[in-house]
Every structure is written in structure tokens, then in C-alpha cells.
Amino acid sequence: MMKLSWLLCLSLLGGFAYAEAPQASDWLKVEVIVFQQQHMNDALQAETWPAVSLTAKSNWIQLVPQAEADMDDSSLVLPYRLLPNSEWTLAKSDKRLQDSDDYTVLLHEAWLQPVDAKAPVHITGGQFYPDQSMWQIDGSIRITKQRYYAVAANLALSLPYNTLPSTETAVDQNGLARFSLHQTQRMRAHAIHYLDNPLFGMLVVVDKVKS
């Protein structure tokens, strides 16, 4: 499994129904970057990749796009509204990935959620395949807090099979090969955490919002 220890140092560099909004001390800011490894041939040929089935669940929270959020009073703190780029913590990590020939950033999003939230958040990104009505990245991320923070990622990367080298990879009826990232990890606030497989990975950070 490939690790990006140099990325972990970058933090040093650098339909909806709403209940009554929690106080600021009850908010978590969640920020996620999902990226694809560019040089995947060896990993694809070295392993057998099983079929992946991922269907959005009814309890997944849908994020509010910034354009829609701007129609509301932007002074209100609302859960699950995408935050503008100016509020990103991982901007330098994003630029480092974008400048590298080894990675392609597929998704970078940040939002606020109640600290006691339980439901997974639905995230999508990368290329949209109109013929299949599917996103390149699709899945969920769940942040929970008990005695410690924990992140549970359940993501699928979809790629056209005809763009891949000859490999033991299951292909769906749409001609897409799908690869999963299903991991759970303990977290510390204010620290970048890294989840990955040989094909794609995720950086995630959570911060308490100060009053």
C-alpha cells in the first residue's frame, strides 16, 4: 500500500430538513480530498479486483451545492452546506497534488456538520459519465465521535474498462470497472489522515469550530 508521508506534513505548511441549528461549539468542519493514482498499471495487473456494487442509501446526507447555498442567507450556519474554497484547510495539499504528475484530484469539499451526527454523507466527484449517469467517484464518508473521532469511508472509483490495461477486473453492464475503498480509521482533530488503496486515496481532516 502506497503511503504519502510527505502529504501528511502539509498541514504544518500551510431534499433537506434542518432541525434547530446547534451552537457553534457543537459543529465539526469536515474537509476531504479524493485523488487517483496516475500510475496504476502495476497495481491493476498485480491484483484481482472483485466486482463492486455501491448504491446510495436513503439515510445518506446530501451536501448542498455552493450555488444553492448562496440563495440562502450566507450568514446562517447551516449543516452540510459546501464551504467556499477560501475556507479550505487543505488548499496547500490540493495544490501539491495538482502539481504532481503522480496524482489527479477528483474531489475537494468541505462542510460543517453537528458533532453528534450519525448518518453518512454522500460525496461524488471527478468525471461524470452521462451515458451511465454515474460519477467517477461515488460513495459516502461518515465521521463519528465517541471517546475519539473516527472516519469510515465507503467509496467507489469507476473507470472505462477500455482505458485500462489487460487485467483481472470485473466490468459492469455499462462498460465501467469499479474499484472500492472501504476503510475505517481513528482520527485526531486538526490532523490530516490518509486512507488509500493502490489506485486512489483520500485525505481527510476534522476541526472543531470555535464559537
N, C-alpha and C. Protein backbone atom coordinates (compact mmCIF):
# COMPACT_ATOMS: atom_id res chain seq x y z
N MET A 1 0.84 -1.19 0.00
CA MET A 1 0.00 0.00 0.00
C MET A 1 0.88 1.24 0.00
N MET A 2 0.60 2.14 -0.89
CA MET A 2 1.42 3.33 -1.02
C MET A 2 1.00 4.37 0.00
N LYS A 3 1.97 4.96 0.65
CA LYS A 3 1.71 5.99 1.64
C LYS A 3 2.32 7.30 1.18
N LEU A 4 1.73 8.39 1.61
CA LEU A 4 2.22 9.71 1.22
C LEU A 4 2.57 10.47 2.48
N SER A 5 3.66 10.06 3.14
CA SER A 5 4.02 10.71 4.40
C SER A 5 4.31 12.18 4.21
N TRP A 6 4.80 12.53 3.02
CA TRP A 6 5.09 13.95 2.78
C TRP A 6 3.81 14.76 2.74
N LEU A 7 2.71 14.15 2.34
CA LEU A 7 1.45 14.90 2.32
C LEU A 7 0.96 15.18 3.72
N LEU A 8 1.24 14.28 4.65
CA LEU A 8 0.74 14.47 5.99
C LEU A 8 1.41 15.64 6.69
N CYS A 9 2.51 16.08 6.16
CA CYS A 9 3.20 17.22 6.74
C CYS A 9 2.66 18.54 6.22
N LEU A 10 1.81 18.50 5.21
CA LEU A 10 1.37 19.73 4.59
C LEU A 10 0.48 20.56 5.50
N SER A 11 -0.14 19.92 6.48
CA SER A 11 -0.97 20.68 7.40
C SER A 11 -0.15 21.66 8.20
N LEU A 12 1.13 21.33 8.38
CA LEU A 12 2.03 22.23 9.08
C LEU A 12 2.47 23.36 8.19
N LEU A 13 2.30 23.18 6.88
CA LEU A 13 2.69 24.21 5.94
C LEU A 13 1.47 25.09 5.59
N GLY A 14 1.30 24.84 5.82
CA GLY A 14 0.31 25.63 5.26
C GLY A 14 -0.87 26.28 5.76
N GLY A 15 -33.45 16.34 -0.75
CA GLY A 15 -34.40 17.20 0.00
C GLY A 15 -33.90 17.29 1.40
N PHE A 16 -33.92 18.61 1.90
CA PHE A 16 -33.26 18.76 3.15
C PHE A 16 -34.24 19.23 4.22
N ALA A 17 -34.06 18.72 5.43
CA ALA A 17 -34.87 19.17 6.56
C ALA A 17 -33.90 19.51 7.68
N TYR A 18 -33.94 20.74 8.16
CA TYR A 18 -33.00 21.18 9.16
C TYR A 18 -33.68 21.34 10.51
N ALA A 19 -33.08 20.74 11.52
CA ALA A 19 -33.53 21.00 12.88
C ALA A 19 -32.93 22.33 13.33
N GLU A 20 -33.23 22.69 14.55
CA GLU A 20 -32.66 23.93 15.08
C GLU A 20 -31.15 23.84 15.04
N ALA A 21 -30.51 24.87 14.52
CA ALA A 21 -29.06 24.83 14.33
C ALA A 21 -28.35 24.71 15.67
N PRO A 22 -27.36 23.82 15.78
CA PRO A 22 -26.59 23.71 17.02
C PRO A 22 -25.77 24.97 17.27
N GLN A 23 -25.30 25.11 18.51
CA GLN A 23 -24.38 26.19 18.82
C GLN A 23 -23.05 25.93 18.13
N ALA A 24 -22.25 26.98 17.95
CA ALA A 24 -21.00 26.84 17.21
C ALA A 24 -20.08 25.79 17.82
N SER A 25 -20.12 25.64 19.17
CA SER A 25 -19.24 24.69 19.82
C SER A 25 -19.62 23.25 19.49
N ASP A 26 -20.81 23.05 18.90
CA ASP A 26 -21.29 21.72 18.56
C ASP A 26 -21.03 21.35 17.11
N TRP A 27 -20.29 22.19 16.37
CA TRP A 27 -20.03 21.94 14.95
C TRP A 27 -18.68 21.27 14.75
N LEU A 28 -18.63 20.45 13.70
CA LEU A 28 -17.37 19.95 13.17
C LEU A 28 -17.24 20.43 11.74
N LYS A 29 -16.04 20.88 11.39
CA LYS A 29 -15.72 21.16 10.00
C LYS A 29 -15.01 19.95 9.43
N VAL A 30 -15.57 19.39 8.36
CA VAL A 30 -15.01 18.21 7.71
C VAL A 30 -14.50 18.62 6.33
N GLU A 31 -13.30 18.21 6.00
CA GLU A 31 -12.74 18.51 4.68
C GLU A 31 -12.11 17.26 4.09
N VAL A 32 -12.39 17.03 2.82
CA VAL A 32 -12.00 15.78 2.15
C VAL A 32 -11.39 16.08 0.79
N ILE A 33 -10.28 15.43 0.47
CA ILE A 33 -9.73 15.39 -0.88
C ILE A 33 -9.67 13.92 -1.30
N VAL A 34 -10.21 13.62 -2.46
CA VAL A 34 -10.09 12.28 -3.05
C VAL A 34 -9.27 12.41 -4.32
N PHE A 35 -8.28 11.56 -4.48
CA PHE A 35 -7.39 11.64 -5.63
C PHE A 35 -7.11 10.26 -6.18
N GLN A 36 -6.76 10.23 -7.46
CA GLN A 36 -6.45 8.98 -8.16
C GLN A 36 -4.96 8.89 -8.42
N GLN A 37 -4.42 7.69 -8.23
CA GLN A 37 -3.04 7.45 -8.62
C GLN A 37 -2.97 7.43 -10.15
N GLN A 38 -1.98 8.07 -10.72
CA GLN A 38 -1.85 8.11 -12.17
C GLN A 38 -1.20 6.85 -12.75
N HIS A 39 -0.31 6.26 -11.98
CA HIS A 39 0.44 5.10 -12.49
C HIS A 39 -0.13 3.85 -11.83
N MET A 40 -1.18 3.28 -12.44
CA MET A 40 -1.93 2.21 -11.83
C MET A 40 -1.68 0.84 -12.46
N ASN A 41 -0.94 0.79 -13.54
CA ASN A 41 -0.83 -0.45 -14.30
C ASN A 41 -0.31 -1.62 -13.47
N ASP A 42 0.75 -1.37 -12.70
CA ASP A 42 1.32 -2.46 -11.90
C ASP A 42 0.32 -2.97 -10.88
N ALA A 43 -0.37 -2.03 -10.23
CA ALA A 43 -1.34 -2.43 -9.20
C ALA A 43 -2.50 -3.19 -9.82
N LEU A 44 -2.95 -2.75 -10.98
CA LEU A 44 -4.06 -3.42 -11.65
C LEU A 44 -3.71 -4.84 -12.05
N GLN A 45 -2.48 -5.03 -12.52
CA GLN A 45 -2.07 -6.34 -13.00
C GLN A 45 -1.60 -7.27 -11.89
N ALA A 46 -1.25 -6.69 -10.74
CA ALA A 46 -0.73 -7.50 -9.64
C ALA A 46 -1.84 -8.08 -8.77
N GLU A 47 -3.05 -7.55 -8.88
CA GLU A 47 -4.13 -8.00 -8.01
C GLU A 47 -5.36 -8.34 -8.84
N THR A 48 -6.22 -9.16 -8.24
CA THR A 48 -7.53 -9.43 -8.81
C THR A 48 -8.54 -8.53 -8.10
N TRP A 49 -9.28 -7.75 -8.88
CA TRP A 49 -10.20 -6.78 -8.31
C TRP A 49 -11.62 -7.30 -8.44
N PRO A 50 -12.28 -7.58 -7.32
CA PRO A 50 -13.64 -8.13 -7.38
C PRO A 50 -14.65 -7.08 -7.84
N ALA A 51 -15.83 -7.56 -8.23
CA ALA A 51 -16.91 -6.65 -8.62
C ALA A 51 -17.33 -5.80 -7.42
N VAL A 52 -17.66 -4.55 -7.69
CA VAL A 52 -18.06 -3.61 -6.65
C VAL A 52 -19.48 -3.16 -6.92
N SER A 53 -20.32 -3.26 -5.92
CA SER A 53 -21.69 -2.77 -6.02
C SER A 53 -21.89 -1.72 -4.94
N LEU A 54 -22.21 -0.51 -5.35
CA LEU A 54 -22.40 0.57 -4.40
C LEU A 54 -23.65 1.35 -4.79
N THR A 55 -24.63 1.35 -3.90
CA THR A 55 -25.88 2.06 -4.14
C THR A 55 -26.11 3.06 -3.03
N ALA A 56 -26.44 4.29 -3.39
CA ALA A 56 -26.69 5.32 -2.38
C ALA A 56 -27.85 4.89 -1.49
N LYS A 57 -27.66 5.04 -0.19
CA LYS A 57 -28.67 4.66 0.78
C LYS A 57 -29.57 5.86 1.10
N SER A 58 -30.78 5.56 1.52
CA SER A 58 -31.74 6.63 1.79
C SER A 58 -31.34 7.50 2.96
N ASN A 59 -30.48 6.98 3.86
CA ASN A 59 -30.08 7.78 5.01
C ASN A 59 -28.83 8.60 4.77
N TRP A 60 -28.24 8.52 3.56
CA TRP A 60 -27.08 9.35 3.27
C TRP A 60 -27.49 10.81 3.17
N ILE A 61 -26.72 11.67 3.82
CA ILE A 61 -26.96 13.11 3.77
C ILE A 61 -26.42 13.67 2.46
N GLN A 62 -27.25 14.48 1.79
CA GLN A 62 -26.83 15.12 0.55
C GLN A 62 -26.28 16.52 0.85
N LEU A 63 -25.09 16.81 0.37
CA LEU A 63 -24.49 18.13 0.57
C LEU A 63 -25.20 19.17 -0.30
N VAL A 64 -25.31 20.39 0.22
CA VAL A 64 -25.94 21.49 -0.50
C VAL A 64 -24.87 22.19 -1.34
N PRO A 65 -24.99 22.19 -2.68
CA PRO A 65 -24.01 22.89 -3.52
C PRO A 65 -23.90 24.36 -3.15
N GLN A 66 -22.71 24.92 -3.37
CA GLN A 66 -22.48 26.32 -3.00
C GLN A 66 -23.44 27.26 -3.72
N ALA A 67 -23.73 27.00 -5.00
CA ALA A 67 -24.63 27.88 -5.76
C ALA A 67 -26.01 27.93 -5.12
N GLU A 68 -26.51 26.77 -4.66
CA GLU A 68 -27.79 26.74 -4.00
C GLU A 68 -27.70 27.37 -2.62
N ALA A 69 -26.59 27.13 -1.95
CA ALA A 69 -26.43 27.69 -0.62
C ALA A 69 -26.41 29.21 -0.66
N ASP A 70 -25.86 29.80 -1.74
CA ASP A 70 -25.79 31.25 -1.84
C ASP A 70 -27.16 31.89 -1.94
N MET A 71 -28.18 31.11 -2.29
CA MET A 71 -29.52 31.64 -2.36
C MET A 71 -30.09 31.89 -0.97
N ASP A 72 -29.51 31.22 0.03
CA ASP A 72 -29.93 31.42 1.41
C ASP A 72 -29.15 32.56 2.02
N ASP A 73 -29.48 32.89 3.25
CA ASP A 73 -28.73 33.89 3.99
C ASP A 73 -27.38 33.30 4.33
N SER A 74 -26.32 33.76 3.69
CA SER A 74 -25.00 33.17 3.88
C SER A 74 -24.45 33.38 5.29
N SER A 75 -25.10 34.27 6.06
CA SER A 75 -24.66 34.49 7.43
C SER A 75 -25.12 33.37 8.36
N LEU A 76 -26.08 32.56 7.91
CA LEU A 76 -26.57 31.46 8.72
C LEU A 76 -25.61 30.29 8.63
N VAL A 77 -25.37 29.67 9.76
CA VAL A 77 -24.56 28.47 9.78
C VAL A 77 -25.49 27.28 9.62
N LEU A 78 -25.43 26.64 8.47
CA LEU A 78 -26.30 25.52 8.18
C LEU A 78 -25.47 24.26 8.00
N PRO A 79 -25.97 23.13 8.49
CA PRO A 79 -25.21 21.89 8.31
C PRO A 79 -25.21 21.43 6.86
N TYR A 80 -24.10 20.83 6.46
CA TYR A 80 -23.99 20.16 5.17
C TYR A 80 -24.08 21.11 3.98
N ARG A 81 -23.77 22.36 4.19
CA ARG A 81 -23.65 23.31 3.09
C ARG A 81 -22.18 23.39 2.71
N LEU A 82 -21.87 23.19 1.43
CA LEU A 82 -20.48 23.23 0.99
C LEU A 82 -19.86 24.59 1.27
N LEU A 83 -18.66 24.57 1.81
CA LEU A 83 -17.95 25.81 2.15
C LEU A 83 -17.15 26.30 0.95
N PRO A 84 -16.96 27.61 0.84
CA PRO A 84 -16.16 28.14 -0.28
C PRO A 84 -14.69 27.76 -0.16
N ASN A 85 -13.99 27.84 -1.28
CA ASN A 85 -12.57 27.49 -1.30
C ASN A 85 -11.76 28.29 -0.30
N SER A 86 -12.20 29.51 -0.03
CA SER A 86 -11.46 30.38 0.90
C SER A 86 -11.43 29.81 2.31
N GLU A 87 -12.29 28.86 2.62
CA GLU A 87 -12.34 28.26 3.95
C GLU A 87 -11.69 26.88 3.99
N TRP A 88 -11.03 26.49 2.91
CA TRP A 88 -10.35 25.21 2.89
C TRP A 88 -9.12 25.22 3.78
N THR A 89 -8.91 24.16 4.51
CA THR A 89 -7.69 23.96 5.30
C THR A 89 -6.62 23.26 4.47
N LEU A 90 -7.06 22.44 3.53
CA LEU A 90 -6.14 21.60 2.75
C LEU A 90 -5.79 22.20 1.39
N ALA A 91 -5.83 23.51 1.27
CA ALA A 91 -5.55 24.14 -0.02
C ALA A 91 -4.13 23.83 -0.50
N LYS A 92 -3.15 23.83 0.41
CA LYS A 92 -1.78 23.55 0.01
C LYS A 92 -1.60 22.09 -0.38
N SER A 93 -2.30 21.20 0.33
CA SER A 93 -2.25 19.78 -0.06
C SER A 93 -2.84 19.58 -1.44
N ASP A 94 -3.94 20.28 -1.72
CA ASP A 94 -4.57 20.21 -3.03
C ASP A 94 -3.60 20.66 -4.12
N LYS A 95 -2.95 21.78 -3.90
CA LYS A 95 -2.02 22.32 -4.91
C LYS A 95 -0.85 21.36 -5.11
N ARG A 96 -0.36 20.78 -4.04
CA ARG A 96 0.77 19.85 -4.16
C ARG A 96 0.37 18.64 -5.00
N LEU A 97 -0.83 18.14 -4.79
CA LEU A 97 -1.33 17.03 -5.60
C LEU A 97 -1.53 17.44 -7.05
N GLN A 98 -2.12 18.63 -7.24
CA GLN A 98 -2.38 19.10 -8.60
C GLN A 98 -1.09 19.30 -9.38
N ASP A 99 -0.03 19.71 -8.67
CA ASP A 99 1.25 19.97 -9.34
C ASP A 99 2.05 18.70 -9.61
N SER A 100 1.61 17.59 -9.04
CA SER A 100 2.34 16.33 -9.20
C SER A 100 1.87 15.60 -10.46
N ASP A 101 2.80 14.88 -11.09
CA ASP A 101 2.45 14.04 -12.24
C ASP A 101 1.90 12.69 -11.79
N ASP A 102 1.90 12.43 -10.49
CA ASP A 102 1.54 11.11 -10.00
C ASP A 102 0.08 11.00 -9.56
N TYR A 103 -0.61 12.15 -9.42
CA TYR A 103 -1.95 12.12 -8.85
C TYR A 103 -2.88 13.05 -9.63
N THR A 104 -4.17 12.73 -9.59
CA THR A 104 -5.21 13.59 -10.13
C THR A 104 -6.26 13.81 -9.05
N VAL A 105 -6.51 15.06 -8.70
CA VAL A 105 -7.52 15.36 -7.69
C VAL A 105 -8.90 15.21 -8.33
N LEU A 106 -9.74 14.40 -7.72
CA LEU A 106 -11.08 14.13 -8.24
C LEU A 106 -12.16 14.87 -7.45
N LEU A 107 -11.86 15.22 -6.23
CA LEU A 107 -12.87 15.85 -5.38
C LEU A 107 -12.18 16.58 -4.25
N HIS A 108 -12.65 17.79 -3.95
CA HIS A 108 -12.20 18.52 -2.78
C HIS A 108 -13.40 19.29 -2.24
N GLU A 109 -13.87 18.92 -1.07
CA GLU A 109 -15.07 19.52 -0.50
C GLU A 109 -14.90 19.68 1.00
N ALA A 110 -15.60 20.68 1.55
CA ALA A 110 -15.60 20.91 2.99
C ALA A 110 -16.99 21.36 3.40
N TRP A 111 -17.38 20.99 4.59
CA TRP A 111 -18.70 21.36 5.10
C TRP A 111 -18.69 21.32 6.63
N LEU A 112 -19.74 21.85 7.21
CA LEU A 112 -19.96 21.77 8.65
C LEU A 112 -21.04 20.74 8.93
N GLN A 113 -20.88 20.02 10.05
CA GLN A 113 -21.91 19.09 10.46
C GLN A 113 -21.95 19.06 11.99
N PRO A 114 -23.10 18.69 12.56
CA PRO A 114 -23.16 18.59 14.02
C PRO A 114 -22.16 17.57 14.54
N VAL A 115 -21.59 17.85 15.70
CA VAL A 115 -20.57 16.97 16.24
C VAL A 115 -21.14 15.60 16.58
N ASP A 116 -22.45 15.52 16.82
CA ASP A 116 -23.06 14.24 17.17
C ASP A 116 -23.75 13.58 15.98
N ALA A 117 -23.41 14.00 14.75
CA ALA A 117 -24.02 13.43 13.55
C ALA A 117 -23.71 11.93 13.46
N LYS A 118 -24.67 11.18 12.96
CA LYS A 118 -24.51 9.73 12.84
C LYS A 118 -24.56 9.24 11.38
N ALA A 119 -25.32 9.93 10.54
CA ALA A 119 -25.56 9.44 9.18
C ALA A 119 -24.35 9.71 8.28
N PRO A 120 -24.07 8.83 7.32
CA PRO A 120 -23.02 9.07 6.34
C PRO A 120 -23.38 10.23 5.42
N VAL A 121 -22.36 10.88 4.88
CA VAL A 121 -22.53 11.98 3.92
C VAL A 121 -22.18 11.47 2.53
N HIS A 122 -23.05 11.74 1.58
CA HIS A 122 -22.86 11.30 0.20
C HIS A 122 -21.92 12.27 -0.52
N ILE A 123 -20.85 11.77 -1.13
CA ILE A 123 -19.93 12.61 -1.88
C ILE A 123 -19.74 12.02 -3.27
N THR A 124 -19.64 12.90 -4.26
CA THR A 124 -19.39 12.49 -5.64
C THR A 124 -18.39 13.48 -6.25
N GLY A 125 -17.66 13.02 -7.28
CA GLY A 125 -16.72 13.92 -7.91
C GLY A 125 -16.01 13.27 -9.07
N GLY A 126 -15.06 14.02 -9.63
CA GLY A 126 -14.34 13.54 -10.81
C GLY A 126 -15.19 13.72 -12.06
N GLN A 127 -14.98 12.86 -13.02
CA GLN A 127 -15.69 12.94 -14.30
C GLN A 127 -17.10 12.36 -14.16
N PHE A 128 -18.05 13.00 -14.83
CA PHE A 128 -19.41 12.46 -14.88
C PHE A 128 -19.59 11.71 -16.18
N TYR A 129 -20.06 10.48 -16.10
CA TYR A 129 -20.30 9.66 -17.28
C TYR A 129 -21.79 9.75 -17.65
N PRO A 130 -22.14 10.59 -18.61
CA PRO A 130 -23.56 10.82 -18.89
C PRO A 130 -24.30 9.59 -19.40
N ASP A 131 -23.63 8.75 -20.18
CA ASP A 131 -24.30 7.56 -20.70
C ASP A 131 -24.69 6.59 -19.60
N GLN A 132 -23.89 6.58 -18.54
CA GLN A 132 -24.17 5.69 -17.42
C GLN A 132 -24.83 6.42 -16.25
N SER A 133 -24.89 7.77 -16.36
CA SER A 133 -25.41 8.60 -15.27
C SER A 133 -24.70 8.27 -13.96
N MET A 134 -23.37 8.27 -14.03
CA MET A 134 -22.56 7.92 -12.87
C MET A 134 -21.37 8.87 -12.76
N TRP A 135 -20.91 9.06 -11.51
CA TRP A 135 -19.71 9.84 -11.25
C TRP A 135 -18.50 8.92 -11.13
N GLN A 136 -17.36 9.47 -11.46
CA GLN A 136 -16.11 8.73 -11.34
C GLN A 136 -15.86 8.31 -9.89
N ILE A 137 -16.14 9.23 -8.96
CA ILE A 137 -16.07 8.92 -7.53
C ILE A 137 -17.48 9.03 -6.96
N ASP A 138 -17.90 7.99 -6.26
CA ASP A 138 -19.22 7.98 -5.65
C ASP A 138 -19.14 7.16 -4.36
N GLY A 139 -19.80 7.65 -3.32
CA GLY A 139 -19.78 6.90 -2.08
C GLY A 139 -20.12 7.77 -0.90
N SER A 140 -19.67 7.35 0.27
CA SER A 140 -20.03 8.06 1.49
C SER A 140 -18.84 8.16 2.43
N ILE A 141 -18.90 9.14 3.29
CA ILE A 141 -17.94 9.30 4.38
C ILE A 141 -18.73 9.57 5.65
N ARG A 142 -18.35 8.92 6.72
CA ARG A 142 -19.06 9.06 7.99
C ARG A 142 -18.06 9.42 9.08
N ILE A 143 -18.29 10.55 9.74
CA ILE A 143 -17.46 10.99 10.84
C ILE A 143 -18.26 10.85 12.12
N THR A 144 -17.72 10.14 13.09
CA THR A 144 -18.39 9.98 14.38
C THR A 144 -17.43 10.33 15.50
N LYS A 145 -18.02 10.64 16.66
CA LYS A 145 -17.21 10.97 17.83
C LYS A 145 -17.79 10.29 19.05
N GLN A 146 -16.97 9.49 19.69
CA GLN A 146 -17.30 8.94 20.99
C GLN A 146 -16.17 9.36 21.92
N ARG A 147 -15.32 8.44 22.30
CA ARG A 147 -14.13 8.86 23.05
C ARG A 147 -13.08 9.43 22.11
N TYR A 148 -13.23 9.16 20.82
CA TYR A 148 -12.30 9.66 19.81
C TYR A 148 -13.10 9.83 18.52
N TYR A 149 -12.52 10.58 17.59
CA TYR A 149 -13.13 10.71 16.27
C TYR A 149 -12.80 9.46 15.44
N ALA A 150 -13.69 9.14 14.53
CA ALA A 150 -13.44 8.04 13.60
C ALA A 150 -14.03 8.40 12.25
N VAL A 151 -13.34 7.99 11.20
CA VAL A 151 -13.83 8.20 9.84
C VAL A 151 -14.05 6.83 9.20
N ALA A 152 -15.19 6.67 8.55
CA ALA A 152 -15.49 5.47 7.79
C ALA A 152 -15.75 5.88 6.35
N ALA A 153 -14.90 5.41 5.45
CA ALA A 153 -15.03 5.75 4.03
C ALA A 153 -15.53 4.54 3.27
N ASN A 154 -16.50 4.77 2.40
CA ASN A 154 -17.05 3.71 1.55
C ASN A 154 -17.20 4.32 0.16
N LEU A 155 -16.14 4.22 -0.65
CA LEU A 155 -16.08 4.91 -1.93
C LEU A 155 -15.85 3.92 -3.07
N ALA A 156 -16.31 4.31 -4.25
CA ALA A 156 -16.06 3.53 -5.46
C ALA A 156 -15.48 4.45 -6.53
N LEU A 157 -14.42 3.99 -7.18
CA LEU A 157 -13.82 4.67 -8.33
C LEU A 157 -14.24 3.92 -9.58
N SER A 158 -14.88 4.60 -10.52
CA SER A 158 -15.34 3.98 -11.77
C SER A 158 -14.50 4.50 -12.93
N LEU A 159 -14.00 3.58 -13.74
CA LEU A 159 -13.17 3.93 -14.89
C LEU A 159 -13.63 3.12 -16.10
N PRO A 160 -13.63 3.73 -17.29
CA PRO A 160 -13.98 2.96 -18.50
C PRO A 160 -13.01 1.79 -18.68
N TYR A 161 -13.56 0.61 -18.85
CA TYR A 161 -12.73 -0.58 -18.93
C TYR A 161 -11.78 -0.53 -20.13
N ASN A 162 -12.21 0.10 -21.23
CA ASN A 162 -11.38 0.12 -22.44
C ASN A 162 -10.19 1.06 -22.31
N THR A 163 -10.08 1.79 -21.20
CA THR A 163 -8.91 2.65 -20.97
C THR A 163 -7.88 1.98 -20.07
N LEU A 164 -8.19 0.76 -19.59
CA LEU A 164 -7.32 0.09 -18.62
C LEU A 164 -6.49 -0.98 -19.32
N PRO A 165 -5.32 -1.30 -18.76
CA PRO A 165 -4.53 -2.40 -19.31
C PRO A 165 -5.24 -3.72 -19.06
N SER A 166 -4.83 -4.74 -19.76
CA SER A 166 -5.41 -6.06 -19.58
C SER A 166 -5.23 -6.49 -18.13
N THR A 167 -6.35 -6.79 -17.46
CA THR A 167 -6.29 -7.08 -16.03
C THR A 167 -7.49 -7.90 -15.62
N GLU A 168 -7.36 -8.57 -14.47
CA GLU A 168 -8.46 -9.35 -13.92
C GLU A 168 -9.37 -8.41 -13.14
N THR A 169 -10.22 -7.71 -13.86
CA THR A 169 -11.09 -6.72 -13.25
C THR A 169 -12.52 -6.96 -13.71
N ALA A 170 -13.45 -6.98 -12.77
CA ALA A 170 -14.86 -7.15 -13.12
C ALA A 170 -15.37 -5.88 -13.80
N VAL A 171 -16.23 -6.06 -14.79
CA VAL A 171 -16.79 -4.93 -15.54
C VAL A 171 -18.30 -5.00 -15.45
N ASP A 172 -18.94 -3.84 -15.21
CA ASP A 172 -20.40 -3.84 -15.12
C ASP A 172 -21.02 -3.73 -16.51
N GLN A 173 -22.34 -3.71 -16.55
CA GLN A 173 -23.04 -3.70 -17.84
C GLN A 173 -22.86 -2.39 -18.60
N ASN A 174 -22.33 -1.36 -17.92
CA ASN A 174 -22.10 -0.08 -18.56
C ASN A 174 -20.69 0.06 -19.13
N GLY A 175 -19.89 -0.99 -19.03
CA GLY A 175 -18.52 -0.93 -19.52
C GLY A 175 -17.57 -0.23 -18.57
N LEU A 176 -17.96 -0.11 -17.31
CA LEU A 176 -17.12 0.54 -16.31
C LEU A 176 -16.55 -0.49 -15.35
N ALA A 177 -15.28 -0.32 -15.03
CA ALA A 177 -14.66 -1.10 -13.97
C ALA A 177 -14.73 -0.27 -12.69
N ARG A 178 -15.12 -0.88 -11.59
CA ARG A 178 -15.30 -0.15 -10.34
C ARG A 178 -14.37 -0.75 -9.28
N PHE A 179 -13.74 0.15 -8.53
CA PHE A 179 -12.77 -0.24 -7.50
C PHE A 179 -13.18 0.42 -6.19
N SER A 180 -13.07 -0.32 -5.10
CA SER A 180 -13.60 0.18 -3.83
C SER A 180 -12.50 0.62 -2.88
N LEU A 181 -12.86 1.57 -2.04
CA LEU A 181 -12.04 1.98 -0.89
C LEU A 181 -12.98 1.95 0.31
N HIS A 182 -12.81 0.93 1.14
CA HIS A 182 -13.70 0.72 2.27
C HIS A 182 -12.82 0.59 3.51
N GLN A 183 -12.67 1.68 4.25
CA GLN A 183 -11.76 1.69 5.40
C GLN A 183 -12.35 2.52 6.54
N THR A 184 -11.94 2.16 7.75
CA THR A 184 -12.30 2.91 8.95
C THR A 184 -11.02 3.21 9.71
N GLN A 185 -10.94 4.42 10.24
CA GLN A 185 -9.70 4.83 10.91
C GLN A 185 -10.03 5.80 12.04
N ARG A 186 -9.33 5.64 13.14
CA ARG A 186 -9.43 6.64 14.21
C ARG A 186 -8.78 7.94 13.76
N MET A 187 -9.25 9.05 14.33
CA MET A 187 -8.75 10.35 13.92
C MET A 187 -8.48 11.23 15.14
N ARG A 188 -7.61 12.20 14.94
CA ARG A 188 -7.41 13.30 15.89
C ARG A 188 -7.84 14.59 15.21
N ALA A 189 -8.44 15.47 15.96
CA ALA A 189 -8.83 16.76 15.40
C ALA A 189 -7.58 17.53 14.98
N HIS A 190 -7.71 18.30 13.91
CA HIS A 190 -6.66 19.19 13.38
C HIS A 190 -5.52 18.44 12.70
N ALA A 191 -5.62 17.13 12.54
CA ALA A 191 -4.55 16.35 11.90
C ALA A 191 -5.06 15.75 10.60
N ILE A 192 -4.20 15.74 9.58
CA ILE A 192 -4.57 15.14 8.30
C ILE A 192 -4.45 13.62 8.42
N HIS A 193 -5.48 12.93 7.96
CA HIS A 193 -5.46 11.47 7.96
C HIS A 193 -5.60 10.98 6.52
N TYR A 194 -4.98 9.83 6.27
CA TYR A 194 -4.83 9.33 4.90
C TYR A 194 -5.38 7.92 4.82
N LEU A 195 -6.30 7.70 3.89
CA LEU A 195 -6.84 6.38 3.60
C LEU A 195 -6.57 6.10 2.13
N ASP A 196 -6.22 4.84 1.80
CA ASP A 196 -5.89 4.61 0.40
C ASP A 196 -5.96 3.12 0.05
N ASN A 197 -5.96 2.87 -1.25
CA ASN A 197 -5.59 1.58 -1.81
C ASN A 197 -4.61 1.88 -2.94
N PRO A 198 -4.12 0.89 -3.69
CA PRO A 198 -3.12 1.20 -4.71
C PRO A 198 -3.61 2.06 -5.86
N LEU A 199 -4.93 2.30 -5.96
CA LEU A 199 -5.48 3.04 -7.10
C LEU A 199 -5.92 4.45 -6.76
N PHE A 200 -6.46 4.66 -5.59
CA PHE A 200 -6.89 6.00 -5.21
C PHE A 200 -6.90 6.14 -3.70
N GLY A 201 -6.95 7.38 -3.26
CA GLY A 201 -6.85 7.63 -1.83
C GLY A 201 -7.63 8.86 -1.42
N MET A 202 -7.63 9.12 -0.11
CA MET A 202 -8.40 10.22 0.45
C MET A 202 -7.62 10.86 1.59
N LEU A 203 -7.57 12.17 1.58
CA LEU A 203 -7.11 12.94 2.72
C LEU A 203 -8.33 13.52 3.41
N VAL A 204 -8.35 13.46 4.75
CA VAL A 204 -9.50 14.00 5.49
C VAL A 204 -9.00 14.64 6.77
N VAL A 205 -9.61 15.75 7.12
CA VAL A 205 -9.28 16.45 8.36
C VAL A 205 -10.58 16.95 8.97
N VAL A 206 -10.66 16.89 10.30
CA VAL A 206 -11.80 17.45 11.02
C VAL A 206 -11.29 18.46 12.03
N ASP A 207 -12.05 19.52 12.20
CA ASP A 207 -11.71 20.57 13.15
C ASP A 207 -12.96 20.98 13.90
N LYS A 208 -12.81 21.22 15.19
CA LYS A 208 -13.89 21.81 15.96
C LYS A 208 -14.03 23.27 15.56
N VAL A 209 -15.25 23.72 15.39
CA VAL A 209 -15.50 25.12 15.06
C VAL A 209 -15.59 25.92 16.35
N LYS A 210 -14.77 26.96 16.43
CA LYS A 210 -14.76 27.79 17.63
C LYS A 210 -15.95 28.73 17.66
N SER A 211 -16.43 29.00 18.84
CA SER A 211 -17.55 29.93 19.00
C SER A 211 -17.10 31.34 18.62
